[in-house]
Amino acid sequence: MVLALNLAMILVLAGCLTLAYYLKKFWPLIAGVVIVFIYTFVQPSYMPKGIVERVALPEFEVKELELQDRLRKAVPGSERDAAREQKIIDGMEWYKPQQKGEDK
């Protein structure tokens, strides 16, 4: 977008120069320069205006931390097999067949 706006001003100057050449007059060239001069003051600037002061970084406290091993340890195969066998014996928790004489 900025490129298009800058190119538009170049096209205005080129058009005024062409018009001044074909009319053999000097006023279109002056009008083009005035238009571009006014545009440079009206257009928004994307650069910071004035002096930008740097902000000092706050001092950070140095903390002593101990490393903790939070990774799960491997479960021995015998415990895993025993848990699986117990789940098979107990059955599914969400599916309990209704016994005769029980109410919902």
N, C-alpha and C. Protein backbone atom coordinates (compact mmCIF):
# COMPACT_ATOMS: atom_id res chain seq x y z
N MET A 1 0.83 -1.18 0.00
CA MET A 1 0.00 0.00 0.00
C MET A 1 0.88 1.25 0.00
N VAL A 2 1.92 1.24 0.81
CA VAL A 2 2.83 2.39 0.85
C VAL A 2 3.51 2.55 -0.50
N LEU A 3 3.87 1.42 -1.12
CA LEU A 3 4.49 1.48 -2.44
C LEU A 3 3.54 2.10 -3.45
N ALA A 4 2.25 1.73 -3.39
CA ALA A 4 1.28 2.29 -4.32
C ALA A 4 1.11 3.79 -4.11
N LEU A 5 1.11 4.23 -2.84
CA LEU A 5 0.98 5.66 -2.57
C LEU A 5 2.21 6.43 -3.06
N ASN A 6 3.38 5.86 -2.88
CA ASN A 6 4.58 6.52 -3.38
C ASN A 6 4.62 6.55 -4.90
N LEU A 7 4.19 5.47 -5.52
CA LEU A 7 4.14 5.44 -6.98
C LEU A 7 3.10 6.42 -7.51
N ALA A 8 2.03 6.62 -6.78
CA ALA A 8 1.00 7.58 -7.21
C ALA A 8 1.59 8.98 -7.28
N MET A 9 2.42 9.34 -6.33
CA MET A 9 3.04 10.67 -6.35
C MET A 9 4.03 10.80 -7.51
N ILE A 10 4.72 9.73 -7.82
CA ILE A 10 5.63 9.76 -8.98
C ILE A 10 4.82 9.91 -10.26
N LEU A 11 3.68 9.24 -10.33
CA LEU A 11 2.81 9.36 -11.50
C LEU A 11 2.24 10.77 -11.62
N VAL A 12 1.90 11.40 -10.50
CA VAL A 12 1.41 12.78 -10.53
C VAL A 12 2.49 13.70 -11.09
N LEU A 13 3.72 13.53 -10.63
CA LEU A 13 4.81 14.35 -11.15
C LEU A 13 5.06 14.09 -12.63
N ALA A 14 5.00 12.83 -13.02
CA ALA A 14 5.21 12.50 -14.43
C ALA A 14 4.09 13.08 -15.29
N GLY A 15 2.85 13.01 -14.78
CA GLY A 15 1.73 13.57 -15.53
C GLY A 15 1.82 15.07 -15.65
N CYS A 16 2.22 15.73 -14.58
CA CYS A 16 2.38 17.19 -14.63
C CYS A 16 3.53 17.59 -15.56
N LEU A 17 4.61 16.82 -15.55
CA LEU A 17 5.72 17.10 -16.46
C LEU A 17 5.28 16.92 -17.91
N THR A 18 4.53 15.87 -18.19
CA THR A 18 4.02 15.63 -19.54
C THR A 18 3.07 16.74 -19.97
N LEU A 19 2.17 17.14 -19.06
CA LEU A 19 1.23 18.20 -19.37
C LEU A 19 1.96 19.52 -19.62
N ALA A 20 3.00 19.78 -18.83
CA ALA A 20 3.77 21.01 -19.03
C ALA A 20 4.50 20.97 -20.38
N TYR A 21 4.96 19.83 -20.79
CA TYR A 21 5.66 19.70 -22.07
C TYR A 21 4.71 19.93 -23.24
N TYR A 22 3.50 19.31 -23.18
CA TYR A 22 2.56 19.43 -24.29
C TYR A 22 1.90 20.81 -24.34
N LEU A 23 1.67 21.44 -23.20
CA LEU A 23 1.05 22.76 -23.19
C LEU A 23 2.07 23.88 -23.37
N LYS A 24 3.34 23.54 -23.22
CA LYS A 24 4.43 24.51 -23.28
C LYS A 24 4.24 25.61 -22.23
N LYS A 25 3.70 25.19 -21.07
CA LYS A 25 3.48 26.11 -19.96
C LYS A 25 4.26 25.59 -18.76
N PHE A 26 4.50 26.48 -17.81
CA PHE A 26 5.28 26.11 -16.63
C PHE A 26 4.38 25.81 -15.42
N TRP A 27 3.13 26.26 -15.44
CA TRP A 27 2.25 26.12 -14.27
C TRP A 27 1.90 24.67 -13.93
N PRO A 28 1.73 23.73 -14.89
CA PRO A 28 1.43 22.35 -14.47
C PRO A 28 2.57 21.73 -13.66
N LEU A 29 3.80 22.11 -13.98
CA LEU A 29 4.94 21.58 -13.24
C LEU A 29 4.95 22.13 -11.81
N ILE A 30 4.66 23.42 -11.66
CA ILE A 30 4.59 24.02 -10.33
C ILE A 30 3.45 23.41 -9.53
N ALA A 31 2.30 23.19 -10.19
CA ALA A 31 1.14 22.59 -9.51
C ALA A 31 1.49 21.18 -9.04
N GLY A 32 2.18 20.41 -9.85
CA GLY A 32 2.58 19.05 -9.46
C GLY A 32 3.52 19.05 -8.27
N VAL A 33 4.48 19.95 -8.27
CA VAL A 33 5.42 20.05 -7.15
C VAL A 33 4.69 20.46 -5.88
N VAL A 34 3.74 21.39 -5.99
CA VAL A 34 2.97 21.81 -4.82
C VAL A 34 2.12 20.65 -4.29
N ILE A 35 1.50 19.88 -5.19
CA ILE A 35 0.69 18.72 -4.78
C ILE A 35 1.55 17.70 -4.03
N VAL A 36 2.71 17.40 -4.56
CA VAL A 36 3.59 16.43 -3.91
C VAL A 36 4.11 16.98 -2.59
N PHE A 37 4.41 18.27 -2.53
CA PHE A 37 4.89 18.89 -1.30
C PHE A 37 3.82 18.82 -0.21
N ILE A 38 2.58 19.14 -0.57
CA ILE A 38 1.47 19.05 0.40
C ILE A 38 1.26 17.60 0.82
N TYR A 39 1.33 16.68 -0.12
CA TYR A 39 1.11 15.26 0.18
C TYR A 39 2.14 14.74 1.19
N THR A 40 3.38 15.19 1.08
CA THR A 40 4.41 14.69 2.00
C THR A 40 4.13 15.11 3.44
N PHE A 41 3.45 16.24 3.64
CA PHE A 41 3.11 16.65 5.00
C PHE A 41 1.82 16.02 5.49
N VAL A 42 0.93 15.65 4.57
CA VAL A 42 -0.38 15.10 4.95
C VAL A 42 -0.30 13.59 5.19
N GLN A 43 0.55 12.90 4.45
CA GLN A 43 0.58 11.44 4.56
C GLN A 43 1.06 11.01 5.93
N PRO A 44 0.56 9.87 6.43
CA PRO A 44 1.03 9.38 7.72
C PRO A 44 2.44 8.83 7.60
N SER A 45 3.20 9.04 8.64
CA SER A 45 4.57 8.53 8.66
C SER A 45 4.59 7.26 9.47
N TYR A 46 5.28 6.25 8.98
CA TYR A 46 5.36 4.98 9.67
C TYR A 46 6.62 4.87 10.54
N MET A 47 7.42 5.90 10.54
CA MET A 47 8.62 5.92 11.35
C MET A 47 8.31 6.60 12.68
N PRO A 48 9.01 6.25 13.75
CA PRO A 48 8.76 6.93 15.02
C PRO A 48 9.15 8.39 14.94
N LYS A 49 8.35 9.22 15.57
CA LYS A 49 8.62 10.65 15.56
C LYS A 49 9.35 11.04 16.83
N GLY A 50 10.37 11.84 16.71
CA GLY A 50 11.10 12.28 17.88
C GLY A 50 12.12 11.25 18.32
N ILE A 51 12.52 11.39 19.56
CA ILE A 51 13.54 10.49 20.13
C ILE A 51 12.84 9.42 20.94
N VAL A 52 13.17 8.20 20.67
CA VAL A 52 12.61 7.07 21.42
C VAL A 52 13.67 6.63 22.42
N GLU A 53 13.35 6.82 23.71
CA GLU A 53 14.31 6.45 24.74
C GLU A 53 14.19 4.97 25.07
N ARG A 54 15.31 4.36 25.34
CA ARG A 54 15.30 2.95 25.71
C ARG A 54 14.94 2.80 27.18
N VAL A 55 14.19 1.77 27.45
CA VAL A 55 13.79 1.49 28.82
C VAL A 55 14.79 0.50 29.41
N ALA A 56 15.25 0.78 30.60
CA ALA A 56 16.21 -0.12 31.24
C ALA A 56 15.51 -1.42 31.62
N LEU A 57 16.16 -2.53 31.38
CA LEU A 57 15.59 -3.83 31.73
C LEU A 57 15.65 -4.03 33.24
N PRO A 58 14.62 -4.61 33.81
CA PRO A 58 14.65 -4.86 35.25
C PRO A 58 15.65 -5.97 35.57
N GLU A 59 16.19 -5.89 36.77
CA GLU A 59 17.12 -6.92 37.22
C GLU A 59 16.33 -8.16 37.63
N PHE A 60 16.74 -9.29 37.15
CA PHE A 60 16.06 -10.54 37.48
C PHE A 60 16.83 -11.25 38.59
N GLU A 61 16.05 -11.85 39.48
CA GLU A 61 16.68 -12.59 40.58
C GLU A 61 17.16 -13.94 40.07
N VAL A 62 18.31 -14.34 40.55
CA VAL A 62 18.84 -15.65 40.20
C VAL A 62 18.31 -16.63 41.23
N LYS A 63 17.61 -17.64 40.77
CA LYS A 63 17.03 -18.63 41.68
C LYS A 63 17.75 -19.95 41.52
N GLU A 64 17.92 -20.61 42.64
CA GLU A 64 18.52 -21.93 42.63
C GLU A 64 17.39 -22.96 42.55
N LEU A 65 17.38 -23.74 41.53
CA LEU A 65 16.35 -24.75 41.36
C LEU A 65 16.98 -26.13 41.34
N GLU A 66 16.23 -27.07 41.89
CA GLU A 66 16.68 -28.46 41.82
C GLU A 66 15.93 -29.13 40.67
N LEU A 67 16.64 -29.93 39.95
CA LEU A 67 16.00 -30.66 38.87
C LEU A 67 15.22 -31.83 39.45
N GLN A 68 14.00 -31.98 38.97
CA GLN A 68 13.17 -33.08 39.43
C GLN A 68 12.83 -33.96 38.23
N ASP A 69 12.96 -35.23 38.44
CA ASP A 69 12.61 -36.19 37.39
C ASP A 69 11.11 -36.46 37.48
N ARG A 70 10.35 -35.88 36.56
CA ARG A 70 8.90 -36.04 36.59
C ARG A 70 8.42 -37.07 35.55
N LEU A 71 9.33 -37.72 34.92
CA LEU A 71 8.94 -38.72 33.94
C LEU A 71 8.46 -39.98 34.65
N ARG A 72 7.46 -40.60 34.06
CA ARG A 72 6.94 -41.82 34.65
C ARG A 72 7.95 -42.94 34.48
N LYS A 73 8.09 -43.68 35.52
CA LYS A 73 8.98 -44.83 35.46
C LYS A 73 8.24 -45.97 34.76
N ALA A 74 8.98 -46.81 34.11
CA ALA A 74 8.38 -47.94 33.41
C ALA A 74 7.78 -48.92 34.43
N VAL A 75 6.55 -49.34 34.15
CA VAL A 75 5.88 -50.29 35.04
C VAL A 75 6.38 -51.69 34.68
N PRO A 76 6.78 -52.45 35.66
CA PRO A 76 7.24 -53.81 35.35
C PRO A 76 6.13 -54.62 34.68
N GLY A 77 6.53 -55.53 33.84
CA GLY A 77 5.57 -56.34 33.08
C GLY A 77 4.65 -57.15 33.98
N SER A 78 5.15 -57.66 35.10
CA SER A 78 4.32 -58.48 35.97
C SER A 78 3.19 -57.64 36.58
N GLU A 79 3.47 -56.37 36.97
CA GLU A 79 2.41 -55.53 37.52
C GLU A 79 1.38 -55.18 36.45
N ARG A 80 1.85 -54.92 35.25
CA ARG A 80 0.94 -54.59 34.16
C ARG A 80 0.04 -55.78 33.84
N ASP A 81 0.62 -56.98 33.82
CA ASP A 81 -0.19 -58.19 33.56
C ASP A 81 -1.19 -58.42 34.67
N ALA A 82 -0.79 -58.20 35.93
CA ALA A 82 -1.70 -58.41 37.05
C ALA A 82 -2.86 -57.42 36.99
N ALA A 83 -2.58 -56.15 36.63
CA ALA A 83 -3.64 -55.14 36.53
C ALA A 83 -4.60 -55.50 35.40
N ARG A 84 -4.07 -55.98 34.29
CA ARG A 84 -4.92 -56.36 33.15
C ARG A 84 -5.80 -57.55 33.52
N GLU A 85 -5.24 -58.53 34.19
CA GLU A 85 -6.02 -59.70 34.62
C GLU A 85 -7.12 -59.29 35.59
N GLN A 86 -6.83 -58.36 36.50
CA GLN A 86 -7.83 -57.92 37.46
C GLN A 86 -8.97 -57.18 36.75
N LYS A 87 -8.64 -56.39 35.73
CA LYS A 87 -9.68 -55.69 34.96
C LYS A 87 -10.55 -56.67 34.21
N ILE A 88 -9.96 -57.74 33.73
CA ILE A 88 -10.74 -58.75 33.02
C ILE A 88 -11.70 -59.43 34.00
N ILE A 89 -11.23 -59.71 35.19
CA ILE A 89 -12.07 -60.37 36.20
C ILE A 89 -13.20 -59.44 36.64
N ASP A 90 -12.88 -58.16 36.89
CA ASP A 90 -13.88 -57.20 37.36
C ASP A 90 -14.90 -56.85 36.28
N GLY A 91 -14.50 -56.90 35.06
CA GLY A 91 -15.40 -56.52 33.97
C GLY A 91 -15.36 -55.01 33.74
N MET A 92 -16.18 -54.57 32.78
CA MET A 92 -16.20 -53.15 32.45
C MET A 92 -16.96 -52.39 33.53
N GLU A 93 -16.40 -51.25 33.93
CA GLU A 93 -17.02 -50.49 35.01
C GLU A 93 -18.36 -49.91 34.59
N TRP A 94 -18.50 -49.50 33.37
CA TRP A 94 -19.72 -48.85 32.93
C TRP A 94 -20.81 -49.86 32.54
N TYR A 95 -20.40 -51.12 32.35
CA TYR A 95 -21.39 -52.13 31.98
C TYR A 95 -21.49 -53.15 33.10
N LYS A 96 -22.52 -53.01 33.88
CA LYS A 96 -22.79 -53.98 34.93
C LYS A 96 -24.17 -54.55 34.65
N PRO A 97 -24.27 -55.81 34.30
CA PRO A 97 -25.59 -56.36 34.02
C PRO A 97 -26.47 -56.31 35.26
N GLN A 98 -27.71 -56.00 35.02
CA GLN A 98 -28.65 -55.84 36.13
C GLN A 98 -29.05 -57.23 36.64
N GLN A 99 -28.93 -57.38 37.94
CA GLN A 99 -29.29 -58.66 38.56
C GLN A 99 -30.80 -58.73 38.71
N LYS A 100 -31.32 -59.92 38.79
CA LYS A 100 -32.74 -60.09 38.98
C LYS A 100 -33.16 -59.55 40.32
N GLY A 101 -34.24 -58.76 40.32
CA GLY A 101 -34.75 -58.21 41.55
C GLY A 101 -34.19 -56.84 41.89
N GLU A 102 -33.22 -56.34 41.12
CA GLU A 102 -32.66 -55.00 41.40
C GLU A 102 -33.47 -53.96 40.63
N ASP A 103 -33.65 -52.80 41.26
CA ASP A 103 -34.30 -51.68 40.59
C ASP A 103 -33.25 -50.80 39.95
N LYS A 104 -33.72 -50.04 38.99
CA LYS A 104 -32.78 -49.14 38.31
C LYS A 104 -32.40 -48.04 39.18
